[in-house]
């Protein structure tokens, strides 16, 4: 697999080093190109087929200096202080399948794009994991559902905690006013 990362600041391409510490609209496009192709015979015709890789890619973004975080071809999980951006890609699969007819509109992504409004841009790591063994039987896919459900529960609990803190603050103000009146 070949990885290509393109950084933009306010729609102008920029290097990662130049982007550090800048403010504006940031776009990070991460693309994977499947270089593992083989020629195979299909119905008497020689065709190119790619090794079916699945790539999980993600990063953790601090929400203090980054707002309006969005991802194309992925999901965002937020806990208030940080946003976890994750995408699962299958480079080469769309080319191998050569979907036609009613299926021609199906897009199988080989890239993600993360956008955000930033002040003092800093990004720690972008982590990728690629495997051609994604279809093995020993993967318990329900655990991923559990992970997303637990993340949603964490988000809901964080919101409840924030609401409770605001109620406590309002109660303290009422108590202070009552004490002054007393």
N, C-alpha and C. Protein backbone atom coordinates (compact mmCIF):
# COMPACT_ATOMS: atom_id res chain seq x y z
N UNK A 1 0.84 -1.19 0.00
CA UNK A 1 0.00 0.00 0.00
C UNK A 1 0.88 1.24 0.00
N UNK A 2 0.46 2.21 -0.76
CA UNK A 2 1.13 3.51 -0.74
C UNK A 2 0.20 4.48 -0.02
N UNK A 3 0.78 5.30 0.84
CA UNK A 3 0.00 6.29 1.58
C UNK A 3 0.35 7.67 1.07
N UNK A 4 -0.68 8.46 0.80
CA UNK A 4 -0.47 9.83 0.35
C UNK A 4 -1.28 10.75 1.28
N UNK A 5 -0.58 11.70 1.92
CA UNK A 5 -1.25 12.64 2.82
C UNK A 5 -1.08 14.04 2.26
N UNK A 6 -2.20 14.74 2.11
CA UNK A 6 -2.19 16.11 1.60
C UNK A 6 -2.77 17.04 2.67
N UNK A 7 -2.01 18.07 3.01
CA UNK A 7 -2.44 19.06 3.99
C UNK A 7 -2.80 20.34 3.25
N UNK A 8 -3.90 20.98 3.69
CA UNK A 8 -4.27 22.28 3.13
C UNK A 8 -4.63 23.23 4.27
N UNK A 9 -4.28 24.48 4.09
CA UNK A 9 -4.66 25.54 5.01
C UNK A 9 -5.39 26.59 4.18
N UNK A 10 -6.65 26.83 4.52
CA UNK A 10 -7.48 27.78 3.77
C UNK A 10 -7.43 27.46 2.27
N UNK A 11 -7.62 26.17 1.93
CA UNK A 11 -7.68 25.65 0.55
C UNK A 11 -6.37 25.75 -0.22
N UNK A 12 -5.26 26.03 0.45
CA UNK A 12 -3.95 26.07 -0.22
C UNK A 12 -3.09 24.96 0.34
N UNK A 13 -2.50 24.13 -0.55
CA UNK A 13 -1.66 23.02 -0.11
C UNK A 13 -0.46 23.56 0.66
N UNK A 14 -0.11 22.83 1.73
CA UNK A 14 0.95 23.24 2.63
C UNK A 14 1.60 21.98 3.19
N UNK A 15 2.86 22.06 3.56
CA UNK A 15 3.52 20.89 4.16
C UNK A 15 3.11 20.79 5.63
N UNK A 16 3.28 19.60 6.19
CA UNK A 16 2.95 19.38 7.60
C UNK A 16 3.80 20.29 8.49
N UNK A 17 5.07 20.45 8.16
CA UNK A 17 5.95 21.30 8.97
C UNK A 17 5.50 22.75 8.94
N UNK A 18 5.09 23.23 7.75
CA UNK A 18 4.65 24.63 7.63
C UNK A 18 3.30 24.85 8.32
N UNK A 19 2.48 23.80 8.41
CA UNK A 19 1.15 23.91 9.00
C UNK A 19 1.20 24.06 10.52
N UNK A 20 2.21 23.51 11.14
CA UNK A 20 2.32 23.54 12.60
C UNK A 20 2.25 24.98 13.13
N UNK A 21 1.34 25.20 14.10
CA UNK A 21 1.20 26.50 14.75
C UNK A 21 0.33 27.50 14.01
N UNK A 22 -0.15 27.16 12.82
CA UNK A 22 -0.97 28.08 12.01
C UNK A 22 -2.44 28.04 12.45
N UNK A 23 -3.20 29.05 12.00
CA UNK A 23 -4.63 29.13 12.27
C UNK A 23 -5.37 29.23 10.95
N UNK A 24 -6.60 28.67 10.92
CA UNK A 24 -7.42 28.75 9.72
C UNK A 24 -8.19 27.47 9.51
N UNK A 25 -8.68 27.28 8.28
CA UNK A 25 -9.44 26.08 7.90
C UNK A 25 -8.44 25.03 7.40
N UNK A 26 -8.31 23.92 8.14
CA UNK A 26 -7.35 22.87 7.82
C UNK A 26 -8.08 21.68 7.19
N UNK A 27 -7.44 21.10 6.19
CA UNK A 27 -7.92 19.89 5.55
C UNK A 27 -6.76 18.91 5.47
N UNK A 28 -7.01 17.68 5.92
CA UNK A 28 -6.01 16.62 5.85
C UNK A 28 -6.64 15.46 5.11
N UNK A 29 -6.13 15.16 3.91
CA UNK A 29 -6.64 14.05 3.12
C UNK A 29 -5.61 12.93 3.16
N UNK A 30 -6.07 11.75 3.59
CA UNK A 30 -5.21 10.57 3.70
C UNK A 30 -5.75 9.55 2.70
N UNK A 31 -4.91 9.20 1.73
CA UNK A 31 -5.33 8.29 0.66
C UNK A 31 -4.41 7.07 0.64
N UNK A 32 -4.99 5.92 0.40
CA UNK A 32 -4.24 4.68 0.30
C UNK A 32 -4.38 4.12 -1.11
N UNK A 33 -3.26 3.78 -1.73
CA UNK A 33 -3.24 3.25 -3.08
C UNK A 33 -2.74 1.81 -3.00
N UNK A 34 -3.57 0.88 -3.46
CA UNK A 34 -3.24 -0.54 -3.41
C UNK A 34 -2.29 -0.87 -4.55
N UNK A 35 -1.08 -1.26 -4.22
CA UNK A 35 -0.05 -1.60 -5.21
C UNK A 35 0.09 -3.12 -5.38
N UNK A 36 -0.77 -3.89 -4.71
CA UNK A 36 -0.67 -5.34 -4.75
C UNK A 36 -1.69 -5.89 -5.75
N UNK A 37 -1.35 -5.82 -7.03
CA UNK A 37 -2.25 -6.25 -8.09
C UNK A 37 -1.72 -7.51 -8.76
N UNK A 38 -2.65 -8.32 -9.23
CA UNK A 38 -2.29 -9.53 -9.97
C UNK A 38 -3.18 -9.63 -11.20
N UNK A 39 -2.65 -10.20 -12.25
CA UNK A 39 -3.43 -10.48 -13.45
C UNK A 39 -4.05 -11.86 -13.29
N UNK A 40 -5.37 -11.96 -13.44
CA UNK A 40 -6.09 -13.22 -13.31
C UNK A 40 -7.03 -13.40 -14.49
N UNK A 41 -7.37 -14.64 -14.77
CA UNK A 41 -8.32 -14.95 -15.83
C UNK A 41 -9.73 -14.99 -15.25
N UNK A 42 -10.64 -14.20 -15.83
CA UNK A 42 -12.03 -14.16 -15.41
C UNK A 42 -12.87 -14.32 -16.67
N UNK A 43 -13.63 -15.42 -16.75
CA UNK A 43 -14.47 -15.70 -17.92
C UNK A 43 -13.68 -15.59 -19.23
N UNK A 44 -12.47 -16.10 -19.21
CA UNK A 44 -11.65 -16.09 -20.42
C UNK A 44 -10.94 -14.78 -20.70
N UNK A 45 -11.11 -13.79 -19.85
CA UNK A 45 -10.45 -12.49 -20.03
C UNK A 45 -9.44 -12.27 -18.92
N UNK A 46 -8.31 -11.69 -19.28
CA UNK A 46 -7.31 -11.37 -18.27
C UNK A 46 -7.66 -10.02 -17.65
N UNK A 47 -7.78 -10.00 -16.32
CA UNK A 47 -8.16 -8.79 -15.61
C UNK A 47 -7.23 -8.56 -14.42
N UNK A 48 -7.18 -7.32 -13.97
CA UNK A 48 -6.38 -6.94 -12.81
C UNK A 48 -7.24 -7.06 -11.56
N UNK A 49 -6.74 -7.75 -10.56
CA UNK A 49 -7.40 -7.87 -9.26
C UNK A 49 -6.41 -7.46 -8.18
N UNK A 50 -6.91 -6.74 -7.18
CA UNK A 50 -6.08 -6.25 -6.09
C UNK A 50 -6.27 -7.10 -4.84
N UNK A 51 -5.21 -7.24 -4.06
CA UNK A 51 -5.32 -7.91 -2.76
C UNK A 51 -6.32 -7.13 -1.93
N UNK A 52 -7.31 -7.80 -1.33
CA UNK A 52 -8.36 -7.08 -0.59
C UNK A 52 -7.88 -6.62 0.80
N UNK A 53 -7.26 -5.47 0.84
CA UNK A 53 -6.81 -4.89 2.10
C UNK A 53 -7.94 -4.09 2.74
N UNK A 54 -7.99 -4.13 4.06
CA UNK A 54 -8.80 -3.20 4.83
C UNK A 54 -7.83 -2.36 5.64
N UNK A 55 -8.06 -1.06 5.67
CA UNK A 55 -7.18 -0.15 6.39
C UNK A 55 -8.03 0.63 7.39
N UNK A 56 -7.64 0.55 8.65
CA UNK A 56 -8.24 1.39 9.69
C UNK A 56 -7.27 2.53 9.94
N UNK A 57 -7.77 3.75 9.87
CA UNK A 57 -6.91 4.92 10.06
C UNK A 57 -7.62 5.87 11.03
N UNK A 58 -6.83 6.49 11.89
CA UNK A 58 -7.44 7.40 12.84
C UNK A 58 -6.44 8.30 13.53
N UNK A 59 -7.00 9.24 14.28
CA UNK A 59 -6.19 10.16 15.04
C UNK A 59 -7.03 10.72 16.19
N UNK A 60 -6.35 11.27 17.17
CA UNK A 60 -7.03 11.94 18.28
C UNK A 60 -6.69 13.42 18.17
N UNK A 61 -7.73 14.25 18.14
CA UNK A 61 -7.56 15.69 17.94
C UNK A 61 -8.04 16.42 19.19
N UNK A 62 -7.21 17.32 19.68
CA UNK A 62 -7.54 18.14 20.85
C UNK A 62 -8.57 19.18 20.45
N UNK A 63 -9.65 19.29 21.22
CA UNK A 63 -10.73 20.23 20.90
C UNK A 63 -10.47 21.65 21.38
N UNK A 64 -9.40 21.85 22.15
CA UNK A 64 -9.13 23.20 22.67
C UNK A 64 -8.83 24.18 21.54
N UNK A 65 -8.01 23.79 20.58
CA UNK A 65 -7.63 24.68 19.47
C UNK A 65 -8.29 24.30 18.16
N UNK A 66 -9.12 23.25 18.16
CA UNK A 66 -9.73 22.76 16.93
C UNK A 66 -11.24 22.64 17.11
N UNK A 67 -11.99 23.26 16.23
CA UNK A 67 -13.46 23.28 16.29
C UNK A 67 -14.01 22.83 14.95
N UNK A 68 -15.31 22.51 14.92
CA UNK A 68 -16.00 22.12 13.68
C UNK A 68 -15.28 20.98 12.97
N UNK A 69 -14.88 19.98 13.74
CA UNK A 69 -14.14 18.85 13.18
C UNK A 69 -15.12 17.96 12.42
N UNK A 70 -14.74 17.63 11.18
CA UNK A 70 -15.57 16.77 10.33
C UNK A 70 -14.67 15.74 9.65
N UNK A 71 -15.26 14.61 9.26
CA UNK A 71 -14.52 13.59 8.54
C UNK A 71 -15.38 13.05 7.41
N UNK A 72 -14.77 12.90 6.25
CA UNK A 72 -15.42 12.26 5.11
C UNK A 72 -14.96 10.81 5.09
N UNK A 73 -15.89 9.90 4.91
CA UNK A 73 -15.62 8.45 4.89
C UNK A 73 -15.15 7.94 6.25
N UNK A 74 -15.74 8.45 7.32
CA UNK A 74 -15.36 7.98 8.65
C UNK A 74 -16.35 8.42 9.70
N UNK A 75 -15.96 8.27 10.95
CA UNK A 75 -16.80 8.64 12.10
C UNK A 75 -15.97 9.44 13.09
N UNK A 76 -16.68 10.23 13.89
CA UNK A 76 -16.04 11.01 14.96
C UNK A 76 -16.67 10.61 16.28
N UNK A 77 -15.83 10.37 17.26
CA UNK A 77 -16.28 10.12 18.63
C UNK A 77 -15.69 11.23 19.48
N UNK A 78 -16.56 11.95 20.22
CA UNK A 78 -16.07 13.07 21.03
C UNK A 78 -16.31 12.79 22.50
N UNK A 79 -15.41 13.27 23.33
CA UNK A 79 -15.62 13.18 24.77
C UNK A 79 -15.64 14.55 25.42
N UNK A 80 -15.67 15.60 24.63
CA UNK A 80 -15.66 16.96 25.15
C UNK A 80 -14.32 17.62 24.98
N UNK A 81 -13.25 16.96 25.42
CA UNK A 81 -11.90 17.51 25.32
C UNK A 81 -11.17 17.09 24.06
N UNK A 82 -11.53 15.91 23.57
CA UNK A 82 -10.83 15.36 22.40
C UNK A 82 -11.85 14.75 21.44
N UNK A 83 -11.45 14.70 20.17
CA UNK A 83 -12.25 14.03 19.15
C UNK A 83 -11.41 12.91 18.56
N UNK A 84 -11.99 11.74 18.48
CA UNK A 84 -11.33 10.60 17.85
C UNK A 84 -11.94 10.47 16.46
N UNK A 85 -11.10 10.59 15.43
CA UNK A 85 -11.58 10.45 14.05
C UNK A 85 -11.08 9.10 13.53
N UNK A 86 -11.98 8.31 12.93
CA UNK A 86 -11.66 6.96 12.49
C UNK A 86 -12.31 6.69 11.14
N UNK A 87 -11.57 6.05 10.25
CA UNK A 87 -12.12 5.61 8.97
C UNK A 87 -11.66 4.20 8.69
N UNK A 88 -12.50 3.43 7.99
CA UNK A 88 -12.13 2.09 7.53
C UNK A 88 -12.24 2.11 6.01
N UNK A 89 -11.11 1.82 5.36
CA UNK A 89 -11.00 1.96 3.90
C UNK A 89 -10.63 0.63 3.27
N UNK A 90 -10.95 0.49 2.00
CA UNK A 90 -10.62 -0.74 1.26
C UNK A 90 -10.06 -0.38 -0.10
N UNK A 91 -8.80 0.05 -0.12
CA UNK A 91 -8.19 0.47 -1.39
C UNK A 91 -8.07 -0.68 -2.38
N UNK A 92 -8.49 -0.41 -3.61
CA UNK A 92 -8.39 -1.40 -4.68
C UNK A 92 -9.63 -2.26 -4.84
N UNK A 93 -10.48 -2.33 -3.83
CA UNK A 93 -11.65 -3.21 -3.90
C UNK A 93 -12.64 -2.75 -4.96
N UNK A 94 -12.88 -1.45 -5.05
CA UNK A 94 -13.81 -0.94 -6.06
C UNK A 94 -13.32 -1.27 -7.48
N UNK A 95 -12.02 -1.12 -7.69
CA UNK A 95 -11.44 -1.43 -9.01
C UNK A 95 -11.53 -2.93 -9.31
N UNK A 96 -11.33 -3.77 -8.30
CA UNK A 96 -11.41 -5.22 -8.49
C UNK A 96 -12.83 -5.68 -8.78
N UNK A 97 -13.81 -5.09 -8.11
CA UNK A 97 -15.20 -5.52 -8.28
C UNK A 97 -15.82 -5.05 -9.59
N UNK A 98 -15.37 -3.89 -10.08
CA UNK A 98 -15.91 -3.32 -11.32
C UNK A 98 -17.44 -3.35 -11.32
N UNK A 99 -18.03 -2.73 -10.31
CA UNK A 99 -19.48 -2.73 -10.16
C UNK A 99 -20.14 -2.00 -11.33
N UNK A 100 -21.25 -2.55 -11.78
CA UNK A 100 -21.96 -1.94 -12.90
C UNK A 100 -23.46 -2.04 -12.66
N UNK A 101 -24.24 -1.44 -13.55
CA UNK A 101 -25.69 -1.47 -13.41
C UNK A 101 -26.14 -0.71 -12.19
N UNK A 102 -27.06 -1.32 -11.44
CA UNK A 102 -27.60 -0.69 -10.24
C UNK A 102 -26.53 -0.48 -9.16
N UNK A 103 -25.48 -1.29 -9.21
CA UNK A 103 -24.42 -1.21 -8.19
C UNK A 103 -23.33 -0.19 -8.53
N UNK A 104 -23.40 0.40 -9.72
CA UNK A 104 -22.35 1.31 -10.17
C UNK A 104 -22.18 2.53 -9.27
N UNK A 105 -23.23 2.92 -8.56
CA UNK A 105 -23.17 4.11 -7.69
C UNK A 105 -22.50 3.84 -6.35
N UNK A 106 -22.25 2.58 -6.04
CA UNK A 106 -21.62 2.25 -4.76
C UNK A 106 -20.15 2.66 -4.81
N UNK A 107 -19.74 3.44 -3.82
CA UNK A 107 -18.35 3.86 -3.72
C UNK A 107 -17.72 3.16 -2.52
N UNK A 108 -16.58 2.54 -2.76
CA UNK A 108 -15.83 1.89 -1.69
C UNK A 108 -14.60 2.76 -1.46
N UNK A 109 -14.56 3.46 -0.33
CA UNK A 109 -13.53 4.49 -0.14
C UNK A 109 -12.12 3.95 0.00
N UNK A 110 -11.18 4.75 -0.51
CA UNK A 110 -9.76 4.49 -0.29
C UNK A 110 -9.10 5.73 0.32
N UNK A 111 -9.91 6.67 0.82
CA UNK A 111 -9.38 7.89 1.42
C UNK A 111 -10.34 8.41 2.49
N UNK A 112 -9.78 9.19 3.40
CA UNK A 112 -10.58 9.98 4.34
C UNK A 112 -10.08 11.42 4.24
N UNK A 113 -10.94 12.34 4.63
CA UNK A 113 -10.53 13.74 4.72
C UNK A 113 -11.05 14.30 6.04
N UNK A 114 -10.14 14.87 6.81
CA UNK A 114 -10.46 15.48 8.09
C UNK A 114 -10.37 16.98 7.89
N UNK A 115 -11.43 17.70 8.29
CA UNK A 115 -11.40 19.16 8.21
C UNK A 115 -11.72 19.74 9.59
N UNK A 116 -11.17 20.93 9.84
CA UNK A 116 -11.41 21.60 11.11
C UNK A 116 -11.01 23.06 11.02
N UNK A 117 -11.59 23.85 11.88
CA UNK A 117 -11.15 25.23 12.06
C UNK A 117 -10.18 25.21 13.24
N UNK A 118 -8.99 25.76 13.03
CA UNK A 118 -7.96 25.62 14.06
C UNK A 118 -7.30 26.94 14.40
N UNK A 119 -6.84 27.01 15.62
CA UNK A 119 -5.94 28.07 16.06
C UNK A 119 -4.73 27.36 16.64
N UNK A 120 -3.55 27.72 16.20
CA UNK A 120 -2.33 27.08 16.68
C UNK A 120 -2.35 25.57 16.41
N UNK A 121 -2.40 25.21 15.12
CA UNK A 121 -2.55 23.81 14.71
C UNK A 121 -1.44 22.92 15.24
N UNK A 122 -1.87 21.78 15.80
CA UNK A 122 -0.95 20.74 16.24
C UNK A 122 -1.70 19.41 16.12
N UNK A 123 -1.05 18.43 15.55
CA UNK A 123 -1.64 17.09 15.46
C UNK A 123 -0.57 16.10 15.87
N UNK A 124 -0.92 15.25 16.81
CA UNK A 124 0.07 14.30 17.35
C UNK A 124 0.38 13.20 16.33
N UNK A 125 -0.46 12.19 16.23
CA UNK A 125 -0.19 11.03 15.39
C UNK A 125 -1.39 10.72 14.50
N UNK A 126 -1.10 10.20 13.34
CA UNK A 126 -2.12 9.56 12.51
C UNK A 126 -1.73 8.09 12.50
N UNK A 127 -2.63 7.24 12.93
CA UNK A 127 -2.31 5.82 13.07
C UNK A 127 -3.08 5.03 12.01
N UNK A 128 -2.38 4.12 11.35
CA UNK A 128 -3.01 3.25 10.35
C UNK A 128 -2.71 1.80 10.68
N UNK A 129 -3.69 0.95 10.39
CA UNK A 129 -3.48 -0.49 10.49
C UNK A 129 -4.08 -1.10 9.23
N UNK A 130 -3.27 -1.81 8.47
CA UNK A 130 -3.73 -2.44 7.24
C UNK A 130 -3.56 -3.95 7.35
N UNK A 131 -4.55 -4.68 6.83
CA UNK A 131 -4.47 -6.13 6.85
C UNK A 131 -5.22 -6.72 5.67
N UNK A 132 -4.69 -7.77 5.13
CA UNK A 132 -5.39 -8.53 4.10
C UNK A 132 -6.15 -9.68 4.75
N UNK A 133 -6.06 -9.83 6.06
CA UNK A 133 -6.72 -10.92 6.79
C UNK A 133 -7.96 -10.43 7.53
N UNK A 134 -8.59 -9.42 7.02
CA UNK A 134 -9.73 -8.81 7.70
C UNK A 134 -10.94 -9.73 7.77
N UNK A 135 -11.01 -10.70 6.91
CA UNK A 135 -12.19 -11.57 6.86
C UNK A 135 -12.03 -12.84 7.68
N UNK A 136 -11.01 -12.93 8.51
CA UNK A 136 -10.80 -14.12 9.32
C UNK A 136 -11.95 -14.31 10.30
N UNK A 137 -12.21 -15.56 10.62
CA UNK A 137 -13.33 -15.90 11.50
C UNK A 137 -13.09 -15.50 12.95
N UNK A 138 -11.84 -15.30 13.36
CA UNK A 138 -11.57 -15.03 14.77
C UNK A 138 -11.82 -13.58 15.16
N UNK A 139 -12.27 -12.74 14.24
CA UNK A 139 -12.58 -11.36 14.58
C UNK A 139 -14.01 -11.29 15.09
N UNK A 140 -14.18 -10.76 16.27
CA UNK A 140 -15.50 -10.61 16.86
C UNK A 140 -15.99 -9.19 16.57
N UNK A 141 -16.73 -9.05 15.49
CA UNK A 141 -17.18 -7.73 15.03
C UNK A 141 -18.12 -7.06 16.02
N UNK A 142 -18.82 -7.84 16.84
CA UNK A 142 -19.75 -7.24 17.79
C UNK A 142 -19.02 -6.38 18.82
N UNK A 143 -17.73 -6.66 19.04
CA UNK A 143 -16.96 -5.85 19.99
C UNK A 143 -16.80 -4.42 19.48
N UNK A 144 -16.74 -4.24 18.16
CA UNK A 144 -16.67 -2.89 17.61
C UNK A 144 -17.97 -2.14 17.88
N UNK A 145 -19.11 -2.84 17.74
CA UNK A 145 -20.40 -2.23 18.06
C UNK A 145 -20.43 -1.83 19.53
N UNK A 146 -19.92 -2.73 20.39
CA UNK A 146 -19.88 -2.43 21.82
C UNK A 146 -19.02 -1.19 22.08
N UNK A 147 -17.89 -1.08 21.38
CA UNK A 147 -17.01 0.08 21.55
C UNK A 147 -17.74 1.37 21.19
N UNK A 148 -18.45 1.38 20.05
CA UNK A 148 -19.17 2.58 19.65
C UNK A 148 -20.32 2.87 20.62
N UNK A 149 -21.02 1.84 21.09
CA UNK A 149 -22.09 2.05 22.07
C UNK A 149 -21.56 2.63 23.37
N UNK A 150 -20.43 2.10 23.84
CA UNK A 150 -19.82 2.61 25.08
C UNK A 150 -19.35 4.05 24.88
N UNK A 151 -18.84 4.38 23.71
CA UNK A 151 -18.41 5.75 23.42
C UNK A 151 -19.60 6.70 23.45
N UNK A 152 -20.72 6.25 22.90
CA UNK A 152 -21.94 7.07 22.92
C UNK A 152 -22.44 7.24 24.35
N UNK A 153 -22.37 6.16 25.16
CA UNK A 153 -22.75 6.26 26.57
C UNK A 153 -21.86 7.26 27.30
N UNK A 154 -20.56 7.22 27.01
CA UNK A 154 -19.61 8.15 27.62
C UNK A 154 -19.97 9.59 27.25
N UNK A 155 -20.32 9.81 25.97
CA UNK A 155 -20.72 11.16 25.53
C UNK A 155 -21.97 11.61 26.28
N UNK A 156 -22.98 10.73 26.39
CA UNK A 156 -24.21 11.07 27.10
C UNK A 156 -23.93 11.37 28.57
N UNK A 157 -23.08 10.56 29.21
CA UNK A 157 -22.74 10.78 30.61
C UNK A 157 -21.98 12.08 30.81
N UNK A 158 -21.10 12.40 29.87
CA UNK A 158 -20.37 13.67 29.93
C UNK A 158 -21.32 14.84 29.83
N UNK A 159 -22.31 14.73 28.94
CA UNK A 159 -23.31 15.80 28.81
C UNK A 159 -24.13 15.94 30.09
N UNK A 160 -24.51 14.81 30.72
CA UNK A 160 -25.25 14.86 31.98
C UNK A 160 -24.42 15.50 33.09
N UNK A 161 -23.14 15.14 33.12
CA UNK A 161 -22.24 15.72 34.12
C UNK A 161 -22.14 17.24 33.93
N UNK A 162 -22.03 17.68 32.68
CA UNK A 162 -21.95 19.11 32.40
C UNK A 162 -23.24 19.81 32.82
N UNK A 163 -24.41 19.19 32.52
CA UNK A 163 -25.69 19.76 32.92
C UNK A 163 -25.77 19.85 34.44
N UNK A 164 -25.31 18.80 35.14
CA UNK A 164 -25.32 18.81 36.60
C UNK A 164 -24.43 19.89 37.17
N UNK A 165 -23.27 20.09 36.57
CA UNK A 165 -22.36 21.14 37.03
C UNK A 165 -22.99 22.51 36.85
N UNK A 166 -23.70 22.72 35.74
CA UNK A 166 -24.38 24.00 35.52
C UNK A 166 -25.51 24.20 36.53
N UNK A 167 -26.23 23.14 36.86
CA UNK A 167 -27.29 23.24 37.88
C UNK A 167 -26.69 23.57 39.24
N UNK A 168 -25.55 22.94 39.55
CA UNK A 168 -24.87 23.22 40.82
C UNK A 168 -24.44 24.68 40.88
N UNK A 169 -23.91 25.19 39.78
CA UNK A 169 -23.49 26.59 39.73
C UNK A 169 -24.69 27.51 39.96
N UNK A 170 -25.81 27.22 39.30
CA UNK A 170 -27.02 28.03 39.49
C UNK A 170 -27.50 27.96 40.93
N UNK A 171 -27.42 26.76 41.54
CA UNK A 171 -27.82 26.61 42.95
C UNK A 171 -26.93 27.40 43.89
N UNK A 172 -25.65 27.42 43.60
CA UNK A 172 -24.71 28.19 44.43
C UNK A 172 -25.02 29.68 44.33
N UNK A 173 -25.35 30.15 43.13
CA UNK A 173 -25.71 31.57 42.96
C UNK A 173 -26.99 31.88 43.74
N UNK A 174 -27.97 30.98 43.68
CA UNK A 174 -29.22 31.18 44.43
C UNK A 174 -28.93 31.19 45.93
N UNK A 175 -28.08 30.26 46.40
CA UNK A 175 -27.71 30.22 47.80
C UNK A 175 -27.01 31.50 48.22
N UNK A 176 -26.09 32.00 47.39
CA UNK A 176 -25.36 33.25 47.70
C UNK A 176 -26.36 34.41 47.80
N UNK A 177 -27.28 34.51 46.84
CA UNK A 177 -28.28 35.58 46.86
C UNK A 177 -29.16 35.48 48.09
N UNK A 178 -29.55 34.24 48.44
CA UNK A 178 -30.39 34.04 49.63
C UNK A 178 -29.66 34.39 50.90
N UNK A 179 -28.38 34.06 50.95
CA UNK A 179 -27.57 34.39 52.12
C UNK A 179 -27.45 35.89 52.27
N UNK A 180 -27.26 36.59 51.15
CA UNK A 180 -27.15 38.06 51.18
C UNK A 180 -28.47 38.65 51.69
N UNK A 181 -29.60 38.13 51.20
CA UNK A 181 -30.92 38.61 51.63
C UNK A 181 -31.13 38.33 53.11
N UNK A 182 -30.71 37.14 53.58
CA UNK A 182 -30.87 36.77 54.99
C UNK A 182 -30.03 37.69 55.86
